[in-house]
PDB file of all heavy atoms in Angstrom:
ATOM      1  N   TYR A   1     193.160  60.050  80.601  1.00  0.00           N
ATOM      2  CA  TYR A   1     194.451  59.407  80.384  1.00  0.00           C
ATOM      3  C   TYR A   1     195.514  60.478  80.199  1.00  0.00           C
ATOM      4  O   TYR A   1     195.375  61.354  79.346  1.00  0.00           O
ATOM      5  CB  TYR A   1     194.437  58.474  79.171  1.00  0.00           C
ATOM      6  CG  TYR A   1     195.698  57.644  79.110  1.00  0.00           C
ATOM      7  CD1 TYR A   1     195.817  56.483  79.858  1.00  0.00           C
ATOM      8  CD2 TYR A   1     196.784  58.059  78.355  1.00  0.00           C
ATOM      9  CE1 TYR A   1     196.990  55.743  79.849  1.00  0.00           C
ATOM     10  CE2 TYR A   1     197.967  57.328  78.334  1.00  0.00           C
ATOM     11  CZ  TYR A   1     198.057  56.168  79.082  1.00  0.00           C
ATOM     12  OH  TYR A   1     199.218  55.449  79.089  1.00  0.00           O
ATOM     13  N   LEU A   2     196.584  60.404  81.004  1.00  0.00           N
ATOM     14  CA  LEU A   2     197.684  61.349  80.953  1.00  0.00           C
ATOM     15  C   LEU A   2     198.944  60.664  80.438  1.00  0.00           C
ATOM     16  O   LEU A   2     199.020  59.428  80.440  1.00  0.00           O
ATOM     17  CB  LEU A   2     197.947  61.957  82.337  1.00  0.00           C
ATOM     18  CG  LEU A   2     197.056  63.170  82.695  1.00  0.00           C
ATOM     19  CD1 LEU A   2     195.612  62.767  82.863  1.00  0.00           C
ATOM     20  CD2 LEU A   2     197.557  63.844  83.973  1.00  0.00           C
ATOM     21  N   PRO A   3     199.953  61.431  80.009  1.00  0.00           N
ATOM     22  CA  PRO A   3     201.165  60.824  79.447  1.00  0.00           C
ATOM     23  C   PRO A   3     201.892  59.914  80.440  1.00  0.00           C
ATOM     24  O   PRO A   3     201.757  60.062  81.661  1.00  0.00           O
ATOM     25  CB  PRO A   3     202.038  62.039  79.096  1.00  0.00           C
ATOM     26  CG  PRO A   3     201.093  63.169  78.960  1.00  0.00           C
ATOM     27  CD  PRO A   3     199.987  62.897  79.931  1.00  0.00           C
ATOM     28  N   MET A   4     202.686  58.997  79.902  1.00  0.00           N
ATOM     29  CA  MET A   4     203.450  58.085  80.735  1.00  0.00           C
ATOM     30  C   MET A   4     204.806  58.671  81.139  1.00  0.00           C
ATOM     31  O   MET A   4     205.484  58.117  82.002  1.00  0.00           O
ATOM     32  CB  MET A   4     203.680  56.756  80.022  1.00  0.00           C
ATOM     33  CG  MET A   4     204.582  56.834  78.812  1.00  0.00           C
ATOM     34  SD  MET A   4     204.800  55.239  77.991  1.00  0.00           S
ATOM     35  CE  MET A   4     205.629  54.305  79.264  1.00  0.00           C
ATOM     36  N   LEU A   5     205.235  59.782  80.508  1.00  0.00           N
ATOM     37  CA  LEU A   5     206.530  60.391  80.801  1.00  0.00           C
ATOM     38  C   LEU A   5     206.360  61.677  81.595  1.00  0.00           C
ATOM     39  O   LEU A   5     205.494  62.501  81.286  1.00  0.00           O
ATOM     40  CB  LEU A   5     207.291  60.681  79.506  1.00  0.00           C
ATOM     41  CG  LEU A   5     207.631  59.466  78.634  1.00  0.00           C
ATOM     42  CD1 LEU A   5     208.371  59.910  77.382  1.00  0.00           C
ATOM     43  CD2 LEU A   5     208.455  58.447  79.409  1.00  0.00           C
ATOM     44  N   ILE A   6     207.207  61.840  82.617  1.00  0.00           N
ATOM     45  CA  ILE A   6     207.163  63.028  83.478  1.00  0.00           C
ATOM     46  C   ILE A   6     208.506  63.739  83.385  1.00  0.00           C
ATOM     47  O   ILE A   6     209.555  63.149  83.709  1.00  0.00           O
ATOM     48  CB  ILE A   6     206.896  62.643  84.948  1.00  0.00           C
ATOM     49  CG1 ILE A   6     205.641  61.755  85.070  1.00  0.00           C
ATOM     50  CG2 ILE A   6     206.762  63.885  85.813  1.00  0.00           C
ATOM     51  CD1 ILE A   6     205.424  61.188  86.465  1.00  0.00           C
ATOM     52  N   PRO A   7     208.548  65.006  82.945  1.00  0.00           N
ATOM     53  CA  PRO A   7     209.815  65.747  82.929  1.00  0.00           C
ATOM     54  C   PRO A   7     210.412  65.818  84.332  1.00  0.00           C
ATOM     55  O   PRO A   7     209.694  65.977  85.322  1.00  0.00           O
ATOM     56  CB  PRO A   7     209.412  67.140  82.433  1.00  0.00           C
ATOM     57  CG  PRO A   7     208.104  66.941  81.736  1.00  0.00           C
ATOM     58  CD  PRO A   7     207.423  65.816  82.440  1.00  0.00           C
ATOM     59  N   GLU A   8     211.725  65.698  84.417  1.00  0.00           N
ATOM     60  CA  GLU A   8     212.390  65.707  85.722  1.00  0.00           C
ATOM     61  C   GLU A   8     212.088  66.989  86.485  1.00  0.00           C
ATOM     62  O   GLU A   8     211.882  66.971  87.703  1.00  0.00           O
ATOM     63  CB  GLU A   8     213.900  65.540  85.539  1.00  0.00           C
ATOM     64  CG  GLU A   8     214.652  65.408  86.851  1.00  0.00           C
ATOM     65  CD  GLU A   8     216.103  65.032  86.669  1.00  0.00           C
ATOM     66  OE1 GLU A   8     216.623  65.139  85.535  1.00  0.00           O
ATOM     67  OE2 GLU A   8     216.738  64.621  87.666  1.00  0.00           O
ATOM     68  N   SER A   9     212.029  68.117  85.789  1.00  0.00           N
ATOM     69  CA  SER A   9     211.757  69.398  86.445  1.00  0.00           C
ATOM     70  C   SER A   9     210.375  69.406  87.095  1.00  0.00           C
ATOM     71  O   SER A   9     210.176  70.001  88.158  1.00  0.00           O
ATOM     72  CB  SER A   9     211.858  70.549  85.441  1.00  0.00           C
ATOM     73  OG  SER A   9     210.977  70.335  84.346  1.00  0.00           O
ATOM     74  N   LEU A  10     209.422  68.721  86.472  1.00  0.00           N
ATOM     75  CA  LEU A  10     208.070  68.647  87.027  1.00  0.00           C
ATOM     76  C   LEU A  10     208.049  67.767  88.266  1.00  0.00           C
ATOM     77  O   LEU A  10     207.431  68.100  89.285  1.00  0.00           O
ATOM     78  CB  LEU A  10     207.118  68.097  85.967  1.00  0.00           C
ATOM     79  CG  LEU A  10     205.615  68.169  86.269  1.00  0.00           C
ATOM     80  CD1 LEU A  10     205.154  69.615  86.363  1.00  0.00           C
ATOM     81  CD2 LEU A  10     204.822  67.428  85.204  1.00  0.00           C
ATOM     82  N   LEU A  11     208.757  66.657  88.195  1.00  0.00           N
ATOM     83  CA  LEU A  11     208.804  65.737  89.329  1.00  0.00           C
ATOM     84  C   LEU A  11     209.455  66.374  90.551  1.00  0.00           C
ATOM     85  O   LEU A  11     209.119  66.053  91.690  1.00  0.00           O
ATOM     86  CB  LEU A  11     209.575  64.473  88.924  1.00  0.00           C
ATOM     87  CG  LEU A  11     209.357  63.217  89.762  1.00  0.00           C
ATOM     88  CD1 LEU A  11     207.912  62.754  89.709  1.00  0.00           C
ATOM     89  CD2 LEU A  11     210.270  62.102  89.281  1.00  0.00           C
ATOM     90  N   GLN A  12     210.372  67.308  90.321  1.00  0.00           N
ATOM     91  CA  GLN A  12     211.125  67.930  91.411  1.00  0.00           C
ATOM     92  C   GLN A  12     210.319  68.963  92.191  1.00  0.00           C
ATOM     93  O   GLN A  12     210.761  69.444  93.234  1.00  0.00           O
ATOM     94  CB  GLN A  12     212.385  68.622  90.855  1.00  0.00           C
ATOM     95  CG  GLN A  12     213.415  67.683  90.259  1.00  0.00           C
ATOM     96  CD  GLN A  12     214.181  66.890  91.302  1.00  0.00           C
ATOM     97  OE1 GLN A  12     214.080  67.177  92.492  1.00  0.00           O
ATOM     98  NE2 GLN A  12     214.937  65.897  90.867  1.00  0.00           N
ATOM     99  N   LYS A  13     209.126  69.299  91.720  1.00  0.00           N
ATOM    100  CA  LYS A  13     208.384  70.407  92.332  1.00  0.00           C
ATOM    101  C   LYS A  13     207.869  70.092  93.735  1.00  0.00           C
ATOM    102  O   LYS A  13     207.631  71.006  94.511  1.00  0.00           O
ATOM    103  CB  LYS A  13     207.214  70.823  91.436  1.00  0.00           C
ATOM    104  CG  LYS A  13     207.642  71.698  90.259  1.00  0.00           C
ATOM    105  CD  LYS A  13     206.435  72.361  89.621  1.00  0.00           C
ATOM    106  CE  LYS A  13     206.885  73.375  88.575  1.00  0.00           C
ATOM    107  NZ  LYS A  13     205.730  74.108  88.004  1.00  0.00           N
ATOM    108  N   GLU A  14     207.629  68.799  94.030  1.00  0.00           N
ATOM    109  CA  GLU A  14     207.157  68.440  95.365  1.00  0.00           C
ATOM    110  C   GLU A  14     208.237  67.588  96.024  1.00  0.00           C
ATOM    111  O   GLU A  14     208.428  66.429  95.699  1.00  0.00           O
ATOM    112  CB  GLU A  14     205.831  67.670  95.273  1.00  0.00           C
ATOM    113  CG  GLU A  14     204.859  67.956  96.416  1.00  0.00           C
ATOM    114  CD  GLU A  14     205.332  67.412  97.772  1.00  0.00           C
ATOM    115  OE1 GLU A  14     206.000  66.375  97.767  1.00  0.00           O
ATOM    116  OE2 GLU A  14     205.028  68.029  98.803  1.00  0.00           O
ATOM    117  N   LYS A  15     208.965  68.174  96.960  1.00  0.00           N
ATOM    118  CA  LYS A  15     210.197  67.598  97.511  1.00  0.00           C
ATOM    119  C   LYS A  15     209.969  66.215  98.156  1.00  0.00           C
ATOM    120  O   LYS A  15     210.656  65.248  97.837  1.00  0.00           O
ATOM    121  CB  LYS A  15     210.783  68.574  98.536  1.00  0.00           C
ATOM    122  CG  LYS A  15     212.106  68.129  99.157  1.00  0.00           C
ATOM    123  CD  LYS A  15     212.683  69.252 100.003  1.00  0.00           C
ATOM    124  CE  LYS A  15     213.950  68.822 100.711  1.00  0.00           C
ATOM    125  NZ  LYS A  15     213.701  67.894 101.819  1.00  0.00           N
ATOM    126  N   ASP A  16     209.015  66.114  99.062  1.00  0.00           N
ATOM    127  CA  ASP A  16     208.789  64.846  99.753  1.00  0.00           C
ATOM    128  C   ASP A  16     208.391  63.743  98.773  1.00  0.00           C
ATOM    129  O   ASP A  16     208.812  62.585  98.901  1.00  0.00           O
ATOM    130  CB  ASP A  16     207.684  65.000 100.807  1.00  0.00           C
ATOM    131  CG  ASP A  16     208.141  65.838 101.988  1.00  0.00           C
ATOM    132  OD1 ASP A  16     209.364  65.999 102.157  1.00  0.00           O
ATOM    133  OD2 ASP A  16     207.276  66.343 102.725  1.00  0.00           O
ATOM    134  N   HIS A  17     207.579  64.118  97.802  1.00  0.00           N
ATOM    135  CA  HIS A  17     207.084  63.154  96.820  1.00  0.00           C
ATOM    136  C   HIS A  17     208.233  62.570  95.999  1.00  0.00           C
ATOM    137  O   HIS A  17     208.364  61.356  95.866  1.00  0.00           O
ATOM    138  CB  HIS A  17     206.059  63.855  95.917  1.00  0.00           C
ATOM    139  CG  HIS A  17     205.420  62.967  94.914  1.00  0.00           C
ATOM    140  ND1 HIS A  17     204.520  61.981  95.266  1.00  0.00           N
ATOM    141  CD2 HIS A  17     205.525  62.921  93.558  1.00  0.00           C
ATOM    142  CE1 HIS A  17     204.107  61.364  94.178  1.00  0.00           C
ATOM    143  NE2 HIS A  17     204.696  61.904  93.125  1.00  0.00           N
ATOM    144  N   VAL A  18     209.079  63.437  95.463  1.00  0.00           N
ATOM    145  CA  VAL A  18     210.164  62.961  94.603  1.00  0.00           C
ATOM    146  C   VAL A  18     211.184  62.150  95.397  1.00  0.00           C
ATOM    147  O   VAL A  18     211.713  61.146  94.917  1.00  0.00           O
ATOM    148  CB  VAL A  18     210.841  64.129  93.847  1.00  0.00           C
ATOM    149  CG1 VAL A  18     211.642  65.011  94.779  1.00  0.00           C
ATOM    150  CG2 VAL A  18     211.747  63.598  92.736  1.00  0.00           C
ATOM    151  N   GLU A  19     211.435  62.537  96.634  1.00  0.00           N
ATOM    152  CA  GLU A  19     212.383  61.777  97.467  1.00  0.00           C
ATOM    153  C   GLU A  19     211.867  60.367  97.729  1.00  0.00           C
ATOM    154  O   GLU A  19     212.632  59.408  97.765  1.00  0.00           O
ATOM    155  CB  GLU A  19     212.644  62.514  98.782  1.00  0.00           C
ATOM    156  CG  GLU A  19     213.569  63.718  98.633  1.00  0.00           C
ATOM    157  CD  GLU A  19     213.843  64.397  99.963  1.00  0.00           C
ATOM    158  OE1 GLU A  19     213.299  63.938 100.994  1.00  0.00           O
ATOM    159  OE2 GLU A  19     214.578  65.391  99.972  1.00  0.00           O
ATOM    160  N   GLY A  20     210.540  60.255  97.907  1.00  0.00           N
ATOM    161  CA  GLY A  20     209.961  58.943  98.181  1.00  0.00           C
ATOM    162  C   GLY A  20     210.071  57.987  97.009  1.00  0.00           C
ATOM    163  O   GLY A  20     210.194  56.776  97.191  1.00  0.00           O
ATOM    164  N   PHE A  21     210.030  58.512  95.785  1.00  0.00           N
ATOM    165  CA  PHE A  21     210.033  57.656  94.604  1.00  0.00           C
ATOM    166  C   PHE A  21     211.376  57.585  93.890  1.00  0.00           C
ATOM    167  O   PHE A  21     211.555  56.750  92.994  1.00  0.00           O
ATOM    168  CB  PHE A  21     208.955  58.115  93.612  1.00  0.00           C
ATOM    169  CG  PHE A  21     207.581  57.635  93.989  1.00  0.00           C
ATOM    170  CD1 PHE A  21     206.694  58.481  94.617  1.00  0.00           C
ATOM    171  CD2 PHE A  21     207.200  56.327  93.741  1.00  0.00           C
ATOM    172  CE1 PHE A  21     205.433  58.032  94.985  1.00  0.00           C
ATOM    173  CE2 PHE A  21     205.950  55.870  94.101  1.00  0.00           C
ATOM    174  CZ  PHE A  21     205.058  56.723  94.719  1.00  0.00           C
ATOM    175  N   ALA A  22     212.332  58.435  94.253  1.00  0.00           N
ATOM    176  CA  ALA A  22     213.607  58.511  93.532  1.00  0.00           C
ATOM    177  C   ALA A  22     214.287  57.152  93.323  1.00  0.00           C
ATOM    178  O   ALA A  22     214.760  56.859  92.213  1.00  0.00           O
ATOM    179  CB  ALA A  22     214.554  59.476  94.230  1.00  0.00           C
ATOM    180  N   PRO A  23     214.361  56.287  94.346  1.00  0.00           N
ATOM    181  CA  PRO A  23     215.075  55.011  94.132  1.00  0.00           C
ATOM    182  C   PRO A  23     214.404  54.090  93.124  1.00  0.00           C
ATOM    183  O   PRO A  23     215.031  53.160  92.626  1.00  0.00           O
ATOM    184  CB  PRO A  23     215.056  54.371  95.532  1.00  0.00           C
ATOM    185  CG  PRO A  23     214.751  55.477  96.482  1.00  0.00           C
ATOM    186  CD  PRO A  23     213.879  56.425  95.734  1.00  0.00           C
ATOM    187  N   GLU A  24     213.102  54.319  92.834  1.00  0.00           N
ATOM    188  CA  GLU A  24     212.366  53.420  91.959  1.00  0.00           C
ATOM    189  C   GLU A  24     212.152  53.988  90.556  1.00  0.00           C
ATOM    190  O   GLU A  24     211.513  53.351  89.720  1.00  0.00           O
ATOM    191  CB  GLU A  24     210.996  53.100  92.583  1.00  0.00           C
ATOM    192  CG  GLU A  24     211.101  52.392  93.930  1.00  0.00           C
ATOM    193  CD  GLU A  24     209.737  52.201  94.579  1.00  0.00           C
ATOM    194  OE1 GLU A  24     208.757  52.814  94.106  1.00  0.00           O
ATOM    195  OE2 GLU A  24     209.659  51.444  95.556  1.00  0.00           O
ATOM    196  N   CYS A  25     212.646  55.185  90.301  1.00  0.00           N
ATOM    197  CA  CYS A  25     212.394  55.832  89.013  1.00  0.00           C
ATOM    198  C   CYS A  25     213.249  55.230  87.900  1.00  0.00           C
ATOM    199  O   CYS A  25     214.431  54.959  88.090  1.00  0.00           O
ATOM    200  CB  CYS A  25     212.668  57.335  89.097  1.00  0.00           C
ATOM    201  SG  CYS A  25     211.424  58.241  90.035  1.00  0.00           S
ATOM    202  N   ALA A  26     212.637  55.051  86.745  1.00  0.00           N
ATOM    203  CA  ALA A  26     213.356  54.682  85.528  1.00  0.00           C
ATOM    204  C   ALA A  26     213.304  55.881  84.591  1.00  0.00           C
ATOM    205  O   ALA A  26     212.274  56.547  84.476  1.00  0.00           O
ATOM    206  CB  ALA A  26     212.707  53.467  84.875  1.00  0.00           C
ATOM    207  N   TRP A  27     214.425  56.167  83.900  1.00  0.00           N
ATOM    208  CA  TRP A  27     214.549  57.417  83.152  1.00  0.00           C
ATOM    209  C   TRP A  27     214.748  57.179  81.666  1.00  0.00           C
ATOM    210  O   TRP A  27     215.477  56.272  81.257  1.00  0.00           O
ATOM    211  CB  TRP A  27     215.722  58.229  83.693  1.00  0.00           C
ATOM    212  CG  TRP A  27     215.546  58.655  85.121  1.00  0.00           C
ATOM    213  CD1 TRP A  27     216.006  57.997  86.229  1.00  0.00           C
ATOM    214  CD2 TRP A  27     214.849  59.798  85.596  1.00  0.00           C
ATOM    215  NE1 TRP A  27     215.639  58.675  87.377  1.00  0.00           N
ATOM    216  CE2 TRP A  27     214.919  59.791  87.007  1.00  0.00           C
ATOM    217  CE3 TRP A  27     214.170  60.852  84.963  1.00  0.00           C
ATOM    218  CZ2 TRP A  27     214.348  60.777  87.797  1.00  0.00           C
ATOM    219  CZ3 TRP A  27     213.592  61.835  85.745  1.00  0.00           C
ATOM    220  CH2 TRP A  27     213.682  61.792  87.140  1.00  0.00           C
ATOM    221  N   VAL A  28     214.118  58.012  80.849  1.00  0.00           N
ATOM    222  CA  VAL A  28     214.350  58.053  79.408  1.00  0.00           C
ATOM    223  C   VAL A  28     215.313  59.198  79.132  1.00  0.00           C
ATOM    224  O   VAL A  28     215.044  60.343  79.505  1.00  0.00           O
ATOM    225  CB  VAL A  28     213.033  58.267  78.632  1.00  0.00           C
ATOM    226  CG1 VAL A  28     213.308  58.407  77.137  1.00  0.00           C
ATOM    227  CG2 VAL A  28     212.067  57.117  78.884  1.00  0.00           C
ATOM    228  N   THR A  29     216.433  58.897  78.507  1.00  0.00           N
ATOM    229  CA  THR A  29     217.466  59.922  78.267  1.00  0.00           C
ATOM    230  C   THR A  29     217.734  60.158  76.784  1.00  0.00           C
ATOM    231  O   THR A  29     218.427  61.116  76.435  1.00  0.00           O
ATOM    232  CB  THR A  29     218.783  59.520  78.961  1.00  0.00           C
ATOM    233  OG1 THR A  29     219.189  58.237  78.473  1.00  0.00           O
ATOM    234  CG2 THR A  29     218.607  59.458  80.472  1.00  0.00           C
ATOM    235  N   PHE A  30     217.213  59.285  75.924  1.00  0.00           N
ATOM    236  CA  PHE A  30     217.401  59.444  74.478  1.00  0.00           C
ATOM    237  C   PHE A  30     216.047  59.437  73.785  1.00  0.00           C
ATOM    238  O   PHE A  30     215.140  58.684  74.157  1.00  0.00           O
ATOM    239  CB  PHE A  30     218.255  58.307  73.908  1.00  0.00           C
ATOM    240  CG  PHE A  30     219.728  58.561  73.969  1.00  0.00           C
ATOM    241  CD1 PHE A  30     220.411  58.458  75.175  1.00  0.00           C
ATOM    242  CD2 PHE A  30     220.438  58.916  72.825  1.00  0.00           C
ATOM    243  CE1 PHE A  30     221.770  58.692  75.252  1.00  0.00           C
ATOM    244  CE2 PHE A  30     221.805  59.160  72.894  1.00  0.00           C
ATOM    245  CZ  PHE A  30     222.474  59.056  74.097  1.00  0.00           C
ATOM    246  N   GLY A  31     215.901  60.254  72.763  1.00  0.00           N
ATOM    247  CA  GLY A  31     214.775  60.204  71.837  1.00  0.00           C
ATOM    248  C   GLY A  31     215.320  59.836  70.480  1.00  0.00           C
ATOM    249  O   GLY A  31     215.994  60.646  69.836  1.00  0.00           O
ATOM    250  N   GLY A  32     215.087  58.588  70.047  1.00  0.00           N
ATOM    251  CA  GLY A  32     215.767  58.103  68.845  1.00  0.00           C
ATOM    252  C   GLY A  32     217.256  58.016  69.126  1.00  0.00           C
ATOM    253  O   GLY A  32     217.688  57.419  70.114  1.00  0.00           O
ATOM    254  N   ASN A  33     218.052  58.673  68.299  1.00  0.00           N
ATOM    255  CA  ASN A  33     219.509  58.675  68.486  1.00  0.00           C
ATOM    256  C   ASN A  33     220.012  59.933  69.181  1.00  0.00           C
ATOM    257  O   ASN A  33     221.219  60.087  69.380  1.00  0.00           O
ATOM    258  CB  ASN A  33     220.210  58.536  67.129  1.00  0.00           C
ATOM    259  CG  ASN A  33     219.932  57.183  66.487  1.00  0.00           C
ATOM    260  OD1 ASN A  33     219.863  56.183  67.194  1.00  0.00           O
ATOM    261  ND2 ASN A  33     219.767  57.171  65.175  1.00  0.00           N
TER     262      ASN A  33
END
């Protein structure tokens, strides 16, 4: 079992992969406040 959150920098490492999923990605931008 791996984490459910992927850092954006990690996702960007494989260009074709990230482009394919970009429109469907949901992002976490806050931790608490």
